[in-house]
C-alpha atoms as a PDB file:
ATOM      1  CA  UNK A   1    -140.598-102.974 113.786  1.00  0.00           C
ATOM      2  CA  UNK A   2    -142.639 -99.870 115.154  1.00  0.00           C
ATOM      3  CA  UNK A   3    -141.317 -96.629 115.201  1.00  0.00           C
ATOM      4  CA  UNK A   4    -140.329 -95.568 118.783  1.00  0.00           C
ATOM      5  CA  UNK A   5    -142.343 -92.525 118.955  1.00  0.00           C
ATOM      6  CA  UNK A   6    -145.281 -94.845 118.315  1.00  0.00           C
ATOM      7  CA  UNK A   7    -144.625 -95.960 121.910  1.00  0.00           C
ATOM      8  CA  UNK A   8    -144.640 -92.684 123.089  1.00  0.00           C
ATOM      9  CA  UNK A   9    -147.806 -91.575 121.704  1.00  0.00           C
ATOM     10  CA  UNK A  10    -149.470 -94.418 123.032  1.00  0.00           C
ATOM     11  CA  UNK A  11    -148.417 -94.037 126.588  1.00  0.00           C
ATOM     12  CA  UNK A  12    -149.179 -90.764 126.560  1.00  0.00           C
ATOM     13  CA  UNK A  13    -152.583 -91.380 125.188  1.00  0.00           C
ATOM     14  CA  UNK A  14    -153.280 -93.922 127.607  1.00  0.00           C
ATOM     15  CA  UNK A  15    -152.020 -91.827 130.400  1.00  0.00           C
ATOM     16  CA  UNK A  16    -154.595 -89.332 129.136  1.00  0.00           C
ATOM     17  CA  UNK A  17    -157.252 -91.949 128.940  1.00  0.00           C
ATOM     18  CA  UNK A  18    -156.457 -93.051 132.040  1.00  0.00           C
ATOM     19  CA  UNK A  19    -156.826 -89.403 134.181  1.00  0.00           C
ATOM     20  CA  UNK A  20    -160.090 -88.823 132.314  1.00  0.00           C
ATOM     21  CA  UNK A  21    -161.296 -92.020 133.883  1.00  0.00           C
ATOM     22  CA  UNK A  22    -160.102 -91.369 137.382  1.00  0.00           C
ATOM     23  CA  UNK A  23    -161.567 -87.841 136.992  1.00  0.00           C
ATOM     24  CA  UNK A  24    -165.284 -89.359 135.729  1.00  0.00           C
ATOM     25  CA  UNK A  25    -165.087 -91.691 138.573  1.00  0.00           C
ATOM     26  CA  UNK A  26    -164.316 -89.080 141.446  1.00  0.00           C
ATOM     27  CA  UNK A  27    -167.033 -86.713 140.170  1.00  0.00           C
ATOM     28  CA  UNK A  28    -169.762 -89.187 139.772  1.00  0.00           C
ATOM     29  CA  UNK A  29    -168.974 -90.802 143.061  1.00  0.00           C
ATOM     30  CA  UNK A  30    -169.180 -87.294 144.985  1.00  0.00           C
ATOM     31  CA  UNK A  31    -172.517 -86.408 143.345  1.00  0.00           C
ATOM     32  CA  UNK A  32    -173.961 -89.729 143.799  1.00  0.00           C
ATOM     33  CA  UNK A  33    -173.128 -89.286 147.450  1.00  0.00           C
ATOM     34  CA  UNK A  34    -174.617 -85.761 147.454  1.00  0.00           C
ATOM     35  CA  UNK A  35    -177.987 -87.043 146.084  1.00  0.00           C
ATOM     36  CA  UNK A  36    -178.330 -89.561 148.362  1.00  0.00           C
ATOM     37  CA  UNK A  37    -177.881 -86.646 151.235  1.00  0.00           C
ATOM     38  CA  UNK A  38    -180.417 -84.846 149.543  1.00  0.00           C
ATOM     39  CA  UNK A  39    -182.728 -87.926 149.247  1.00  0.00           C
ATOM     40  CA  UNK A  40    -182.539 -88.575 152.975  1.00  0.00           C
ATOM     41  CA  UNK A  41    -183.073 -85.160 153.652  1.00  0.00           C
ATOM     42  CA  UNK A  42    -179.314 -84.297 154.986  1.00  0.00           C
ATOM     43  CA  UNK A  43    -178.606 -81.726 152.125  1.00  0.00           C
ATOM     44  CA  UNK A  44    -180.599 -78.676 150.936  1.00  0.00           C
ATOM     45  CA  UNK A  45    -180.585 -77.017 147.316  1.00  0.00           C
ATOM     46  CA  UNK A  46    -177.428 -76.360 145.250  1.00  0.00           C
ATOM     47  CA  UNK A  47    -177.633 -72.540 146.612  1.00  0.00           C
ATOM     48  CA  UNK A  48    -177.534 -73.507 150.175  1.00  0.00           C
ATOM     49  CA  UNK A  49    -174.241 -75.694 149.317  1.00  0.00           C
ATOM     50  CA  UNK A  50    -171.801 -73.158 148.617  1.00  0.00           C
ATOM     51  CA  UNK A  51    -168.953 -72.355 150.892  1.00  0.00           C
ATOM     52  CA  UNK A  52    -165.875 -69.749 150.820  1.00  0.00           C
ATOM     53  CA  UNK A  53    -162.836 -70.417 149.369  1.00  0.00           C
ATOM     54  CA  UNK A  54    -159.577 -68.487 149.207  1.00  0.00           C
ATOM     55  CA  UNK A  55    -158.908 -67.787 145.165  1.00  0.00           C
ATOM     56  CA  UNK A  56    -155.919 -65.296 145.230  1.00  0.00           C
ATOM     57  CA  UNK A  57    -153.148 -66.445 143.167  1.00  0.00           C
ATOM     58  CA  UNK A  58    -150.858 -65.018 145.795  1.00  0.00           C
ATOM     59  CA  UNK A  59    -152.089 -66.926 149.124  1.00  0.00           C
ATOM     60  CA  UNK A  60    -149.212 -69.302 150.310  1.00  0.00           C
ATOM     61  CA  UNK A  61    -152.262 -70.999 152.348  1.00  0.00           C
ATOM     62  CA  UNK A  62    -154.095 -72.061 148.873  1.00  0.00           C
ATOM     63  CA  UNK A  63    -152.971 -75.318 147.953  1.00  0.00           C
ATOM     64  CA  UNK A  64    -154.034 -75.032 144.688  1.00  0.00           C
ATOM     65  CA  UNK A  65    -151.303 -72.756 143.740  1.00  0.00           C
ATOM     66  CA  UNK A  66    -148.274 -75.074 142.824  1.00  0.00           C
ATOM     67  CA  UNK A  67    -145.853 -72.088 142.483  1.00  0.00           C
ATOM     68  CA  UNK A  68    -146.668 -71.405 146.422  1.00  0.00           C
ATOM     69  CA  UNK A  69    -146.396 -75.048 147.054  1.00  0.00           C
ATOM     70  CA  UNK A  70    -142.847 -75.255 145.475  1.00  0.00           C
ATOM     71  CA  UNK A  71    -141.702 -71.909 147.139  1.00  0.00           C
ATOM     72  CA  UNK A  72    -142.747 -73.499 150.469  1.00  0.00           C
ATOM     73  CA  UNK A  73    -140.908 -76.649 150.032  1.00  0.00           C
ATOM     74  CA  UNK A  74    -138.027 -75.009 149.332  1.00  0.00           C
ATOM     75  CA  UNK A  75    -138.261 -72.855 152.416  1.00  0.00           C
ATOM     76  CA  UNK A  76    -138.802 -75.955 154.408  1.00  0.00           C
ATOM     77  CA  UNK A  77    -135.850 -77.672 153.195  1.00  0.00           C
ATOM     78  CA  UNK A  78    -133.823 -75.055 154.329  1.00  0.00           C
ATOM     79  CA  UNK A  79    -135.303 -74.643 157.557  1.00  0.00           C
ATOM     80  CA  UNK A  80    -134.579 -78.209 158.503  1.00  0.00           C
ATOM     81  CA  UNK A  81    -131.148 -77.914 157.240  1.00  0.00           C
ATOM     82  CA  UNK A  82    -130.615 -74.655 159.167  1.00  0.00           C
ATOM     83  CA  UNK A  83    -131.975 -76.192 162.448  1.00  0.00           C
ATOM     84  CA  UNK A  84    -130.426 -79.693 161.428  1.00  0.00           C
ATOM     85  CA  UNK A  85    -133.445 -81.368 161.560  1.00  0.00           C
ATOM     86  CA  UNK A  86    -133.958 -84.757 159.453  1.00  0.00           C
ATOM     87  CA  UNK A  87    -136.084 -83.731 156.486  1.00  0.00           C
ATOM     88  CA  UNK A  88    -136.715 -87.145 155.828  1.00  0.00           C
ATOM     89  CA  UNK A  89    -138.589 -88.058 158.544  1.00  0.00           C
ATOM     90  CA  UNK A  90    -141.184 -85.653 157.008  1.00  0.00           C
ATOM     91  CA  UNK A  91    -141.896 -87.233 153.498  1.00  0.00           C
ATOM     92  CA  UNK A  92    -145.463 -86.930 153.911  1.00  0.00           C
ATOM     93  CA  UNK A  93    -145.108 -83.072 154.214  1.00  0.00           C
ATOM     94  CA  UNK A  94    -143.108 -82.969 151.388  1.00  0.00           C
ATOM     95  CA  UNK A  95    -145.187 -85.245 149.466  1.00  0.00           C
ATOM     96  CA  UNK A  96    -148.368 -82.989 150.136  1.00  0.00           C
ATOM     97  CA  UNK A  97    -146.420 -79.944 148.598  1.00  0.00           C
ATOM     98  CA  UNK A  98    -145.386 -82.250 145.668  1.00  0.00           C
ATOM     99  CA  UNK A  99    -148.753 -84.044 144.324  1.00  0.00           C
ATOM    100  CA  UNK A 100    -150.889 -82.328 141.648  1.00  0.00           C
ATOM    101  CA  UNK A 101    -154.688 -81.867 142.622  1.00  0.00           C
ATOM    102  CA  UNK A 102    -155.789 -84.673 141.063  1.00  0.00           C
ATOM    103  CA  UNK A 103    -153.128 -86.957 142.336  1.00  0.00           C
ATOM    104  CA  UNK A 104    -154.768 -86.315 145.832  1.00  0.00           C
ATOM    105  CA  UNK A 105    -158.431 -86.328 144.870  1.00  0.00           C
ATOM    106  CA  UNK A 106    -158.178 -90.169 144.050  1.00  0.00           C
ATOM    107  CA  UNK A 107    -156.289 -91.051 147.121  1.00  0.00           C
ATOM    108  CA  UNK A 108    -159.002 -89.336 149.179  1.00  0.00           C
ATOM    109  CA  UNK A 109    -162.588 -90.000 150.608  1.00  0.00           C
ATOM    110  CA  UNK A 110    -164.954 -88.376 147.915  1.00  0.00           C
ATOM    111  CA  UNK A 111    -166.839 -86.783 150.922  1.00  0.00           C
ATOM    112  CA  UNK A 112    -163.295 -85.414 152.101  1.00  0.00           C
ATOM    113  CA  UNK A 113    -162.052 -82.052 150.326  1.00  0.00           C
ATOM    114  CA  UNK A 114    -159.786 -80.300 152.365  1.00  0.00           C
ATOM    115  CA  UNK A 115    -159.562 -76.961 151.155  1.00  0.00           C
ATOM    116  CA  UNK A 116    -155.712 -75.914 151.929  1.00  0.00           C
ATOM    117  CA  UNK A 117    -153.439 -79.003 152.860  1.00  0.00           C
ATOM    118  CA  UNK A 118    -154.300 -83.238 152.413  1.00  0.00           C
ATOM    119  CA  UNK A 119    -151.778 -85.173 154.481  1.00  0.00           C
ATOM    120  CA  UNK A 120    -151.820 -88.905 153.025  1.00  0.00           C
ATOM    121  CA  UNK A 121    -151.765 -91.818 155.055  1.00  0.00           C
ATOM    122  CA  UNK A 122    -153.206 -90.773 157.958  1.00  0.00           C
ATOM    123  CA  UNK A 123    -156.225 -92.833 159.109  1.00  0.00           C
ATOM    124  CA  UNK A 124    -159.167 -91.290 157.540  1.00  0.00           C
ATOM    125  CA  UNK A 125    -162.656 -91.466 159.173  1.00  0.00           C
ATOM    126  CA  UNK A 126    -165.353 -88.656 159.672  1.00  0.00           C
ATOM    127  CA  UNK A 127    -166.409 -89.274 163.398  1.00  0.00           C
ATOM    128  CA  UNK A 128    -163.724 -89.971 166.102  1.00  0.00           C
ATOM    129  CA  UNK A 129    -165.677 -89.922 169.089  1.00  0.00           C
ATOM    130  CA  UNK A 130    -164.495 -92.616 171.178  1.00  0.00           C
ATOM    131  CA  UNK A 131    -160.769 -92.631 169.981  1.00  0.00           C
ATOM    132  CA  UNK A 132    -158.586 -94.214 172.513  1.00  0.00           C
ATOM    133  CA  UNK A 133    -155.188 -91.800 171.790  1.00  0.00           C
ATOM    134  CA  UNK A 134    -157.453 -88.532 172.504  1.00  0.00           C
ATOM    135  CA  UNK A 135    -158.832 -90.061 175.549  1.00  0.00           C
ATOM    136  CA  UNK A 136    -157.208 -88.254 178.066  1.00  0.00           C
ATOM    137  CA  UNK A 137    -157.848 -84.840 176.653  1.00  0.00           C
ATOM    138  CA  UNK A 138    -161.480 -85.559 176.449  1.00  0.00           C
ATOM    139  CA  UNK A 139    -161.454 -87.006 179.629  1.00  0.00           C
ATOM    140  CA  UNK A 140    -160.108 -83.345 180.887  1.00  0.00           C
ATOM    141  CA  UNK A 141    -162.440 -81.433 178.830  1.00  0.00           C
ATOM    142  CA  UNK A 142    -165.768 -83.261 180.162  1.00  0.00           C
ATOM    143  CA  UNK A 143    -164.411 -83.366 183.684  1.00  0.00           C
ATOM    144  CA  UNK A 144    -164.434 -79.598 183.908  1.00  0.00           C
ATOM    145  CA  UNK A 145    -167.673 -79.331 181.727  1.00  0.00           C
ATOM    146  CA  UNK A 146    -169.422 -77.272 184.319  1.00  0.00           C
ATOM    147  CA  UNK A 147    -166.385 -74.532 185.157  1.00  0.00           C
ATOM    148  CA  UNK A 148    -166.409 -74.053 181.043  1.00  0.00           C
ATOM    149  CA  UNK A 149    -170.165 -73.675 181.427  1.00  0.00           C
ATOM    150  CA  UNK A 150    -170.140 -71.629 184.488  1.00  0.00           C
ATOM    151  CA  UNK A 151    -167.387 -69.355 182.996  1.00  0.00           C
ATOM    152  CA  UNK A 152    -169.990 -68.873 179.579  1.00  0.00           C
ATOM    153  CA  UNK A 153    -172.764 -68.068 181.611  1.00  0.00           C
ATOM    154  CA  UNK A 154    -170.521 -65.282 183.432  1.00  0.00           C
ATOM    155  CA  UNK A 155    -169.374 -64.053 180.274  1.00  0.00           C
ATOM    156  CA  UNK A 156    -173.099 -63.668 178.873  1.00  0.00           C
ATOM    157  CA  UNK A 157    -173.660 -61.653 182.014  1.00  0.00           C
ATOM    158  CA  UNK A 158    -170.992 -59.038 180.609  1.00  0.00           C
ATOM    159  CA  UNK A 159    -172.688 -56.232 178.799  1.00  0.00           C
ATOM    160  CA  UNK A 160    -169.383 -55.762 176.889  1.00  0.00           C
ATOM    161  CA  UNK A 161    -168.628 -58.910 176.100  1.00  0.00           C
ATOM    162  CA  UNK A 162    -171.828 -59.996 175.086  1.00  0.00           C
ATOM    163  CA  UNK A 163    -171.695 -57.797 172.224  1.00  0.00           C
ATOM    164  CA  UNK A 164    -168.046 -57.286 171.815  1.00  0.00           C
ATOM    165  CA  UNK A 165    -165.107 -59.600 170.766  1.00  0.00           C
ATOM    166  CA  UNK A 166    -167.502 -62.436 168.763  1.00  0.00           C
ATOM    167  CA  UNK A 167    -166.549 -63.148 165.313  1.00  0.00           C
ATOM    168  CA  UNK A 168    -169.980 -63.593 163.174  1.00  0.00           C
ATOM    169  CA  UNK A 169    -170.048 -66.313 160.584  1.00  0.00           C
ATOM    170  CA  UNK A 170    -171.860 -66.022 157.439  1.00  0.00           C
ATOM    171  CA  UNK A 171    -175.256 -68.354 157.103  1.00  0.00           C
ATOM    172  CA  UNK A 172    -178.081 -68.335 154.931  1.00  0.00           C
ATOM    173  CA  UNK A 173    -180.384 -68.681 157.606  1.00  0.00           C
ATOM    174  CA  UNK A 174    -180.007 -67.414 161.509  1.00  0.00           C
ATOM    175  CA  UNK A 175    -176.800 -66.326 163.249  1.00  0.00           C
ATOM    176  CA  UNK A 176    -173.674 -68.119 164.157  1.00  0.00           C
ATOM    177  CA  UNK A 177    -170.925 -66.367 166.226  1.00  0.00           C
ATOM    178  CA  UNK A 178    -167.842 -67.425 168.177  1.00  0.00           C
ATOM    179  CA  UNK A 179    -165.462 -66.329 170.804  1.00  0.00           C
ATOM    180  CA  UNK A 180    -162.157 -67.335 170.753  1.00  0.00           C
ATOM    181  CA  UNK A 181    -159.497 -68.145 173.196  1.00  0.00           C
ATOM    182  CA  UNK A 182    -157.210 -69.351 170.224  1.00  0.00           C
ATOM    183  CA  UNK A 183    -157.630 -68.356 166.344  1.00  0.00           C
ATOM    184  CA  UNK A 184    -155.653 -69.664 163.908  1.00  0.00           C
ATOM    185  CA  UNK A 185    -152.932 -70.468 166.839  1.00  0.00           C
ATOM    186  CA  UNK A 186    -152.942 -66.871 167.955  1.00  0.00           C
ATOM    187  CA  UNK A 187    -154.012 -66.912 171.813  1.00  0.00           C
ATOM    188  CA  UNK A 188    -156.865 -64.274 172.449  1.00  0.00           C
ATOM    189  CA  UNK A 189    -155.686 -62.237 175.575  1.00  0.00           C
ATOM    190  CA  UNK A 190    -158.917 -60.613 176.241  1.00  0.00           C
ATOM    191  CA  UNK A 191    -160.487 -63.821 176.412  1.00  0.00           C
ATOM    192  CA  UNK A 192    -158.131 -65.854 178.560  1.00  0.00           C
ATOM    193  CA  UNK A 193    -158.491 -63.164 180.931  1.00  0.00           C
ATOM    194  CA  UNK A 194    -161.856 -62.934 181.003  1.00  0.00           C
ATOM    195  CA  UNK A 195    -162.233 -66.607 181.360  1.00  0.00           C
ATOM    196  CA  UNK A 196    -159.163 -67.960 183.325  1.00  0.00           C
ATOM    197  CA  UNK A 197    -160.354 -71.359 184.596  1.00  0.00           C
ATOM    198  CA  UNK A 198    -160.910 -72.175 180.612  1.00  0.00           C
ATOM    199  CA  UNK A 199    -157.788 -70.996 179.509  1.00  0.00           C
ATOM    200  CA  UNK A 200    -155.891 -73.075 182.388  1.00  0.00           C
ATOM    201  CA  UNK A 201    -158.029 -76.157 181.362  1.00  0.00           C
ATOM    202  CA  UNK A 202    -156.753 -75.685 177.410  1.00  0.00           C
ATOM    203  CA  UNK A 203    -153.324 -75.722 178.891  1.00  0.00           C
ATOM    204  CA  UNK A 204    -153.489 -79.156 180.000  1.00  0.00           C
ATOM    205  CA  UNK A 205    -154.369 -80.619 176.639  1.00  0.00           C
ATOM    206  CA  UNK A 206    -151.693 -82.516 175.170  1.00  0.00           C
ATOM    207  CA  UNK A 207    -153.240 -82.722 171.732  1.00  0.00           C
ATOM    208  CA  UNK A 208    -154.131 -78.968 171.457  1.00  0.00           C
ATOM    209  CA  UNK A 209    -152.988 -77.556 168.405  1.00  0.00           C
ATOM    210  CA  UNK A 210    -151.115 -74.947 169.393  1.00  0.00           C
ATOM    211  CA  UNK A 211    -148.517 -72.839 167.126  1.00  0.00           C
ATOM    212  CA  UNK A 212    -150.523 -73.824 163.989  1.00  0.00           C
ATOM    213  CA  UNK A 213    -152.377 -71.247 161.662  1.00  0.00           C
ATOM    214  CA  UNK A 214    -154.968 -74.375 161.705  1.00  0.00           C
ATOM    215  CA  UNK A 215    -155.427 -74.444 165.627  1.00  0.00           C
ATOM    216  CA  UNK A 216    -158.476 -73.117 167.349  1.00  0.00           C
ATOM    217  CA  UNK A 217    -160.463 -72.973 170.494  1.00  0.00           C
ATOM    218  CA  UNK A 218    -163.593 -70.842 170.936  1.00  0.00           C
ATOM    219  CA  UNK A 219    -167.167 -70.769 172.732  1.00  0.00           C
ATOM    220  CA  UNK A 220    -169.142 -71.677 169.567  1.00  0.00           C
ATOM    221  CA  UNK A 221    -172.992 -70.468 169.752  1.00  0.00           C
ATOM    222  CA  UNK A 222    -175.458 -71.202 167.358  1.00  0.00           C
ATOM    223  CA  UNK A 223    -178.988 -69.452 167.507  1.00  0.00           C
ATOM    224  CA  UNK A 224    -182.390 -71.282 167.039  1.00  0.00           C
ATOM    225  CA  UNK A 225    -183.403 -71.023 163.351  1.00  0.00           C
ATOM    226  CA  UNK A 226    -180.050 -70.993 162.574  1.00  0.00           C
ATOM    227  CA  UNK A 227    -178.433 -73.512 159.390  1.00  0.00           C
ATOM    228  CA  UNK A 228    -174.637 -73.202 158.903  1.00  0.00           C
ATOM    229  CA  UNK A 229    -174.407 -74.974 155.310  1.00  0.00           C
ATOM    230  CA  UNK A 230    -172.379 -77.776 154.298  1.00  0.00           C
ATOM    231  CA  UNK A 231    -168.590 -76.958 153.890  1.00  0.00           C
ATOM    232  CA  UNK A 232    -164.976 -78.592 154.184  1.00  0.00           C
ATOM    233  CA  UNK A 233    -162.293 -77.813 156.388  1.00  0.00           C
ATOM    234  CA  UNK A 234    -158.873 -76.537 155.405  1.00  0.00           C
ATOM    235  CA  UNK A 235    -157.109 -79.683 156.164  1.00  0.00           C
ATOM    236  CA  UNK A 236    -157.116 -83.246 157.493  1.00  0.00           C
ATOM    237  CA  UNK A 237    -154.395 -82.738 160.218  1.00  0.00           C
ATOM    238  CA  UNK A 238    -156.618 -82.172 162.940  1.00  0.00           C
ATOM    239  CA  UNK A 239    -159.547 -83.505 164.797  1.00  0.00           C
ATOM    240  CA  UNK A 240    -162.220 -81.175 165.850  1.00  0.00           C
ATOM    241  CA  UNK A 241    -164.141 -81.459 169.075  1.00  0.00           C
ATOM    242  CA  UNK A 242    -167.435 -80.165 170.502  1.00  0.00           C
ATOM    243  CA  UNK A 243    -167.845 -80.552 174.290  1.00  0.00           C
ATOM    244  CA  UNK A 244    -171.569 -79.794 174.471  1.00  0.00           C
ATOM    245  CA  UNK A 245    -172.412 -77.189 177.269  1.00  0.00           C
ATOM    246  CA  UNK A 246    -175.649 -76.324 175.987  1.00  0.00           C
ATOM    247  CA  UNK A 247    -177.850 -78.541 173.647  1.00  0.00           C
ATOM    248  CA  UNK A 248    -181.800 -77.987 173.010  1.00  0.00           C
ATOM    249  CA  UNK A 249    -183.562 -80.026 171.267  1.00  0.00           C
ATOM    250  CA  UNK A 250    -183.690 -79.709 167.157  1.00  0.00           C
ATOM    251  CA  UNK A 251    -180.030 -79.589 167.128  1.00  0.00           C
ATOM    252  CA  UNK A 252    -177.777 -81.626 164.922  1.00  0.00           C
ATOM    253  CA  UNK A 253    -174.678 -81.997 163.052  1.00  0.00           C
ATOM    254  CA  UNK A 254    -174.150 -83.909 159.683  1.00  0.00           C
ATOM    255  CA  UNK A 255    -170.455 -85.097 159.024  1.00  0.00           C
ATOM    256  CA  UNK A 256    -170.600 -87.005 155.746  1.00  0.00           C
ATOM    257  CA  UNK A 257    -173.447 -89.306 155.970  1.00  0.00           C
ATOM    258  CA  UNK A 258    -173.943 -89.351 159.489  1.00  0.00           C
ATOM    259  CA  UNK A 259    -176.291 -87.298 161.405  1.00  0.00           C
ATOM    260  CA  UNK A 260    -175.225 -86.677 165.091  1.00  0.00           C
ATOM    261  CA  UNK A 261    -176.743 -84.638 168.113  1.00  0.00           C
ATOM    262  CA  UNK A 262    -174.438 -83.448 170.671  1.00  0.00           C
ATOM    263  CA  UNK A 263    -174.806 -84.065 174.698  1.00  0.00           C
ATOM    264  CA  UNK A 264    -174.067 -81.933 177.245  1.00  0.00           C
ATOM    265  CA  UNK A 265    -170.923 -82.384 179.156  1.00  0.00           C
ATOM    266  CA  UNK A 266    -169.736 -84.818 176.505  1.00  0.00           C
ATOM    267  CA  UNK A 267    -167.344 -84.549 173.362  1.00  0.00           C
ATOM    268  CA  UNK A 268    -167.955 -85.152 170.098  1.00  0.00           C
ATOM    269  CA  UNK A 269    -165.354 -85.369 167.667  1.00  0.00           C
ATOM    270  CA  UNK A 270    -164.973 -85.675 163.910  1.00  0.00           C
ATOM    271  CA  UNK A 271    -163.002 -84.952 160.995  1.00  0.00           C
ATOM    272  CA  UNK A 272    -163.970 -81.463 159.476  1.00  0.00           C
ATOM    273  CA  UNK A 273    -162.269 -82.095 156.202  1.00  0.00           C
ATOM    274  CA  UNK A 274    -165.507 -83.855 155.677  1.00  0.00           C
ATOM    275  CA  UNK A 275    -168.412 -82.210 154.476  1.00  0.00           C
ATOM    276  CA  UNK A 276    -170.150 -81.390 157.289  1.00  0.00           C
ATOM    277  CA  UNK A 277    -173.515 -78.891 158.426  1.00  0.00           C
ATOM    278  CA  UNK A 278    -175.258 -77.831 161.200  1.00  0.00           C
ATOM    279  CA  UNK A 279    -179.030 -77.167 161.968  1.00  0.00           C
ATOM    280  CA  UNK A 280    -180.900 -75.843 165.009  1.00  0.00           C
ATOM    281  CA  UNK A 281    -184.428 -76.189 164.274  1.00  0.00           C
ATOM    282  CA  UNK A 282    -185.489 -74.571 167.246  1.00  0.00           C
ATOM    283  CA  UNK A 283    -188.138 -71.416 167.196  1.00  0.00           C
ATOM    284  CA  UNK A 284    -187.209 -67.938 168.292  1.00  0.00           C
ATOM    285  CA  UNK A 285    -188.056 -68.994 172.214  1.00  0.00           C
ATOM    286  CA  UNK A 286    -185.263 -71.414 172.500  1.00  0.00           C
ATOM    287  CA  UNK A 287    -181.665 -71.188 173.694  1.00  0.00           C
ATOM    288  CA  UNK A 288    -179.021 -71.412 171.398  1.00  0.00           C
ATOM    289  CA  UNK A 289    -176.661 -74.424 171.078  1.00  0.00           C
ATOM    290  CA  UNK A 290    -173.512 -73.878 172.645  1.00  0.00           C
ATOM    291  CA  UNK A 291    -170.374 -75.925 172.087  1.00  0.00           C
ATOM    292  CA  UNK A 292    -166.833 -75.367 173.641  1.00  0.00           C
ATOM    293  CA  UNK A 293    -164.576 -76.086 170.390  1.00  0.00           C
ATOM    294  CA  UNK A 294    -161.354 -77.743 170.069  1.00  0.00           C
ATOM    295  CA  UNK A 295    -158.810 -78.280 167.400  1.00  0.00           C
ATOM    296  CA  UNK A 296    -156.372 -81.422 168.265  1.00  0.00           C
ATOM    297  CA  UNK A 297    -154.053 -82.501 166.133  1.00  0.00           C
ATOM    298  CA  UNK A 298    -154.594 -85.702 164.392  1.00  0.00           C
ATOM    299  CA  UNK A 299    -152.811 -88.638 166.390  1.00  0.00           C
ATOM    300  CA  UNK A 300    -150.593 -90.192 163.735  1.00  0.00           C
ATOM    301  CA  UNK A 301    -149.144 -86.760 162.970  1.00  0.00           C
ATOM    302  CA  UNK A 302    -145.576 -86.728 164.557  1.00  0.00           C
ATOM    303  CA  UNK A 303    -143.392 -84.809 166.372  1.00  0.00           C
ATOM    304  CA  UNK A 304    -141.294 -83.580 163.374  1.00  0.00           C
ATOM    305  CA  UNK A 305    -144.202 -83.322 161.397  1.00  0.00           C
ATOM    306  CA  UNK A 306    -145.980 -80.853 163.466  1.00  0.00           C
ATOM    307  CA  UNK A 307    -142.660 -78.724 163.320  1.00  0.00           C
ATOM    308  CA  UNK A 308    -142.433 -78.891 159.783  1.00  0.00           C
ATOM    309  CA  UNK A 309    -146.494 -78.114 159.387  1.00  0.00           C
ATOM    310  CA  UNK A 310    -146.032 -75.313 162.212  1.00  0.00           C
ATOM    311  CA  UNK A 311    -143.262 -73.556 159.926  1.00  0.00           C
ATOM    312  CA  UNK A 312    -145.410 -74.136 156.461  1.00  0.00           C
ATOM    313  CA  UNK A 313    -148.799 -72.703 158.093  1.00  0.00           C
ATOM    314  CA  UNK A 314    -147.631 -70.359 160.928  1.00  0.00           C
ATOM    315  CA  UNK A 315    -150.258 -68.916 163.469  1.00  0.00           C
ATOM    316  CA  UNK A 316    -152.056 -66.133 161.479  1.00  0.00           C
END
């Protein structure tokens, strides 16, 4: 008869081999996708693939920090208990805090790498344009596209606003800037006062990701000659919406393996936790690409899950 310790050694060895195989499969699969993107011209050199990610060991929003996630879980349980909320109704949120990184990697699409939070068991697809659940909010934006375009045009006539209040993002080529109505869940009063009609339209959106550190709404402007290098959003609990306001020729966004273009007056919806990048191939005489960007809650995130997530990731 074999010694029981033999079974224990065999079990751990088999587990180790399984983890190695899963890691090899994941790395090989995502590299295969990236090589395919290079071959068809959707991905540039490795130097242009780099993107920023928080590496601070004390950052509570960093998903790789196991200790921080444990603290967040304890605070969430206490918060639900103190407010007589049913903790059992947010098991997916709890699981997202308990699972190890290698478990999360094996459960998601190889082109999807949210940098902060991954909630399992949500519908996963890179492009959400045509979603029936979000149709009401999409219709609200599209019906008011001319209003938003008009306020943007008036805004650009204001010398102070043309030069101030914009967040400038880092790009290897060109310029990309955003003027926020809501930045990481925080309402930007100056912009809302300057564009009151746009601010009022935002309030009508049922799935607007307000009260969340992951929620944003802004005018996003990309100048001709700009390349926004491939990167991943922080989470998979939102659907990002781009309403085209000014779309010159030569502009495109790639999400996963799909190359898409904007249409003026129409919404393009996508999951930004998938690898995505933007090009404006125009010359210096062309106008910038302008979209109104809004973050919606993923339709399958429940009301109590929103409550839990807003507590864990509040407005910044």
